[in-house]
Amino acid sequence: MKVALVHDYLNQYGGAERVLEELHALFPSAPVYTSMYWPEKMSPTIRGLDVRTSFMQRLPLVTRNHQPFLLLYPLAFESFDLSGYDVVISNSSAFSKGVLTPPGTLHICYCLTPMRWVWNYHAYVERERLGTAARLVLPAVISQLRSWDVASAQNVDRFLAISRTVAARIRKYYRRDATVIYPPVNCDAFQLPPARV
């Protein structure tokens, strides 16, 4: 069985990238398709993977400042040729679920959350303290991305969600059901308090 993994972007290392590492441990021969890749920001584990980037990788400064390129992400993920894979697993909080798969390929999306900044726009604007120009332009961009987000969700064969809250968001925004599979937790980072005698 040929498996491909798809990830939004690899320009910062956080929880989504830890999930990607765990997915790759399950499918060690799977290549990782992503919009962009900044190896210096990644863990040694991710740097050792077969990472395949989109045309966005060639854009100047895209790994350091990716927000100006928002409208290119749908095209970047739709441009990947994923024919030849039996299963495609997208690890998505934004765009990677938008990959196009051929009819014989199963597309499973492990959804970390639907795009928060698209669906909770006003909180995003407040938190980011955007300037006047961005506040004027962004609503049109967000509207277009929201439409694409809903349309691309219909191409996913099966949604998995990291929590019941995320499953509820998937149901609300995409009108799709999702099975909850909690992400792995490093239990070694926690200690039980000593028992009292």
Protein backbone atom coordinates (compact mmCIF):
# COMPACT_ATOMS: atom_id res chain seq x y z
CA MET A 1 0.00 0.00 0.00
CA LYS A 2 1.48 3.34 -1.08
CA VAL A 3 0.82 6.18 1.38
CA ALA A 4 1.54 9.90 1.07
CA LEU A 5 1.40 12.40 3.93
CA VAL A 6 0.42 16.03 3.33
CA HIS A 7 1.14 18.87 5.77
CA ASP A 8 0.23 22.57 5.57
CA TYR A 9 3.70 24.10 5.90
CA LEU A 10 7.01 23.27 7.53
CA ASN A 11 8.32 26.69 8.52
CA GLN A 12 7.87 26.42 12.28
CA TYR A 13 8.03 23.50 14.69
CA GLY A 14 5.08 22.94 16.99
CA GLY A 15 2.28 20.54 17.83
CA ALA A 16 1.21 19.93 14.22
CA GLU A 17 4.75 18.94 13.32
CA ARG A 18 4.89 16.54 16.28
CA VAL A 19 1.71 14.92 14.96
CA LEU A 20 3.35 14.67 11.52
CA GLU A 21 6.31 12.86 13.11
CA GLU A 22 3.93 10.34 14.70
CA LEU A 23 2.04 9.82 11.44
CA HIS A 24 5.32 9.24 9.66
CA ALA A 25 6.35 6.70 12.31
CA LEU A 26 3.21 4.75 11.31
CA PHE A 27 4.06 5.05 7.59
CA PRO A 28 7.87 5.33 7.46
CA SER A 29 8.15 5.08 3.68
CA ALA A 30 5.61 7.84 3.02
CA PRO A 31 6.85 11.07 1.44
CA VAL A 32 5.61 14.35 2.93
CA TYR A 33 4.05 16.90 0.57
CA THR A 34 3.94 20.47 1.85
CA SER A 35 3.66 24.02 0.57
CA MET A 36 7.03 25.14 1.93
CA TYR A 37 9.90 23.84 4.02
CA TRP A 38 12.44 25.62 6.24
CA PRO A 39 14.76 22.78 7.35
CA GLU A 40 16.60 24.88 9.95
CA LYS A 41 13.36 25.31 11.91
CA MET A 42 12.54 21.60 11.94
CA SER A 43 13.48 18.74 14.23
CA PRO A 44 16.16 16.25 13.15
CA THR A 45 13.35 13.74 12.60
CA ILE A 46 11.58 15.94 10.05
CA ARG A 47 14.85 16.90 8.40
CA GLY A 48 15.36 13.18 7.75
CA LEU A 49 12.07 12.76 5.87
CA ASP A 50 11.43 12.78 2.13
CA VAL A 51 9.87 16.28 1.95
CA ARG A 52 8.39 17.42 -1.36
CA THR A 53 7.47 21.08 -1.67
CA SER A 54 5.15 23.04 -3.94
CA PHE A 55 6.05 25.90 -6.27
CA MET A 56 5.67 28.21 -3.25
CA GLN A 57 9.07 27.07 -1.99
CA ARG A 58 10.68 29.18 -4.73
CA LEU A 59 8.93 32.42 -3.69
CA PRO A 60 11.24 34.94 -1.99
CA LEU A 61 10.94 35.02 1.82
CA VAL A 62 7.87 32.76 1.83
CA THR A 63 9.16 30.64 4.72
CA ARG A 64 9.70 33.71 6.90
CA ASN A 65 6.53 35.62 6.01
CA HIS A 66 3.87 33.40 4.49
CA GLN A 67 0.74 35.48 5.19
CA PRO A 68 1.00 37.67 2.03
CA PHE A 69 0.72 34.49 -0.05
CA LEU A 70 -2.60 33.27 1.40
CA LEU A 71 -4.38 33.04 -1.94
CA LEU A 72 -1.66 30.80 -3.39
CA TYR A 73 -2.04 27.95 -0.88
CA PRO A 74 -5.13 26.39 -2.50
CA LEU A 75 -3.33 26.31 -5.85
CA ALA A 76 -0.18 24.92 -4.23
CA PHE A 77 -1.98 21.93 -2.73
CA GLU A 78 -4.20 21.34 -5.75
CA SER A 79 -1.08 21.24 -7.96
CA PHE A 80 0.42 18.13 -6.33
CA ASP A 81 0.19 14.98 -8.45
CA LEU A 82 -0.84 12.29 -5.98
CA SER A 83 -1.70 9.63 -8.54
CA GLY A 84 -0.03 6.36 -7.72
CA TYR A 85 -0.89 6.50 -4.01
CA ASP A 86 -3.47 4.22 -2.44
CA VAL A 87 -3.95 6.44 0.62
CA VAL A 88 -3.31 10.14 1.20
CA ILE A 89 -3.35 11.40 4.79
CA SER A 90 -3.52 15.16 5.22
CA ASN A 91 -2.52 16.58 8.61
CA SER A 92 -4.40 19.83 8.39
CA SER A 93 -5.27 23.00 10.23
CA ALA A 94 -5.53 25.02 7.03
CA PHE A 95 -4.85 24.09 3.42
CA SER A 96 -3.42 20.57 3.08
CA LYS A 97 -6.83 18.90 3.09
CA GLY A 98 -7.35 20.64 -0.28
CA VAL A 99 -5.19 18.20 -2.22
CA LEU A 100 -6.91 16.58 -5.17
CA THR A 101 -6.82 12.79 -5.22
CA PRO A 102 -7.77 10.43 -8.06
CA PRO A 103 -10.94 8.31 -7.74
CA GLY A 104 -9.09 5.18 -6.56
CA THR A 105 -7.21 6.97 -3.76
CA LEU A 106 -8.55 7.21 -0.21
CA HIS A 107 -8.07 10.69 1.30
CA ILE A 108 -8.14 10.77 5.10
CA CYS A 109 -7.85 14.17 6.78
CA TYR A 110 -6.55 14.27 10.34
CA CYS A 111 -8.00 17.68 11.15
CA LEU A 112 -6.26 19.64 13.88
CA THR A 113 -8.92 22.34 13.44
CA PRO A 114 -10.70 24.07 10.59
CA MET A 115 -8.90 27.33 9.74
CA ARG A 116 -9.43 29.37 12.92
CA TRP A 117 -8.49 32.67 11.35
CA VAL A 118 -11.05 32.15 8.57
CA TRP A 119 -13.93 30.97 10.75
CA ASN A 120 -13.15 33.18 13.77
CA TYR A 121 -12.01 36.19 11.77
CA HIS A 122 -12.84 38.98 14.24
CA ALA A 123 -10.88 37.37 17.07
CA TYR A 124 -7.96 36.88 14.66
CA VAL A 125 -7.98 40.55 13.62
CA GLU A 126 -8.00 41.66 17.27
CA ARG A 127 -5.24 39.28 18.31
CA GLU A 128 -2.96 40.12 15.37
CA ARG A 129 -3.54 43.88 15.66
CA LEU A 130 -3.65 44.30 11.91
CA GLY A 131 -3.14 47.68 10.28
CA THR A 132 -5.78 49.62 8.37
CA ALA A 133 -4.70 48.36 4.93
CA ALA A 134 -4.88 44.72 6.04
CA ARG A 135 -8.28 45.29 7.67
CA LEU A 136 -9.59 46.68 4.37
CA VAL A 137 -8.22 43.92 2.11
CA LEU A 138 -8.49 40.88 4.36
CA PRO A 139 -12.32 40.48 4.43
CA ALA A 140 -12.42 39.80 0.67
CA VAL A 141 -9.52 37.34 0.96
CA ILE A 142 -11.12 35.61 3.96
CA SER A 143 -14.45 35.29 2.14
CA GLN A 144 -12.77 33.64 -0.83
CA LEU A 145 -10.76 31.28 1.41
CA ARG A 146 -13.85 30.37 3.43
CA SER A 147 -15.63 29.28 0.23
CA TRP A 148 -12.60 27.26 -0.88
CA ASP A 149 -12.31 25.70 2.60
CA VAL A 150 -15.88 24.36 2.47
CA ALA A 151 -15.53 23.15 -1.13
CA SER A 152 -12.20 21.40 -0.48
CA ALA A 153 -13.64 19.64 2.58
CA GLN A 154 -16.08 17.84 0.30
CA ASN A 155 -13.18 16.07 -1.46
CA VAL A 156 -12.03 14.40 1.77
CA ASP A 157 -13.21 10.79 2.04
CA ARG A 158 -12.91 10.52 5.82
CA PHE A 159 -12.36 13.13 8.53
CA LEU A 160 -10.57 12.35 11.77
CA ALA A 161 -10.55 15.05 14.47
CA ILE A 162 -8.17 15.58 17.38
CA SER A 163 -11.03 16.31 19.82
CA ARG A 164 -14.80 16.47 20.17
CA THR A 165 -14.53 20.26 19.89
CA VAL A 166 -12.79 19.97 16.50
CA ALA A 167 -15.32 17.34 15.38
CA ALA A 168 -18.11 19.81 16.25
CA ARG A 169 -16.38 22.53 14.17
CA ILE A 170 -16.06 20.12 11.23
CA ARG A 171 -19.77 19.36 11.49
CA LYS A 172 -20.67 23.06 11.75
CA TYR A 173 -18.47 24.46 8.97
CA TYR A 174 -18.18 21.52 6.57
CA ARG A 175 -21.37 19.57 7.33
CA ARG A 176 -19.24 16.44 7.66
CA ASP A 177 -18.94 13.86 10.43
CA ALA A 178 -15.56 13.11 11.99
CA THR A 179 -14.21 10.31 14.13
CA VAL A 180 -12.25 11.55 17.14
CA ILE A 181 -8.73 10.17 17.53
CA TYR A 182 -6.81 12.08 20.17
CA PRO A 183 -3.24 13.02 19.26
CA PRO A 184 -0.38 11.28 21.06
CA VAL A 185 0.85 12.74 24.33
CA ASN A 186 4.37 12.39 25.68
CA CYS A 187 3.53 10.90 29.08
CA ASP A 188 7.19 10.95 30.12
CA ALA A 189 6.85 14.72 30.54
CA PHE A 190 4.48 14.21 33.50
CA GLN A 191 4.99 12.71 36.94
CA LEU A 192 2.47 11.45 39.42
CA PRO A 193 2.74 12.97 42.87
CA PRO A 194 4.17 10.63 45.51
CA ALA A 195 1.52 8.57 47.27
CA ARG A 196 0.66 9.66 50.79
CA VAL A 197 0.98 7.01 53.46
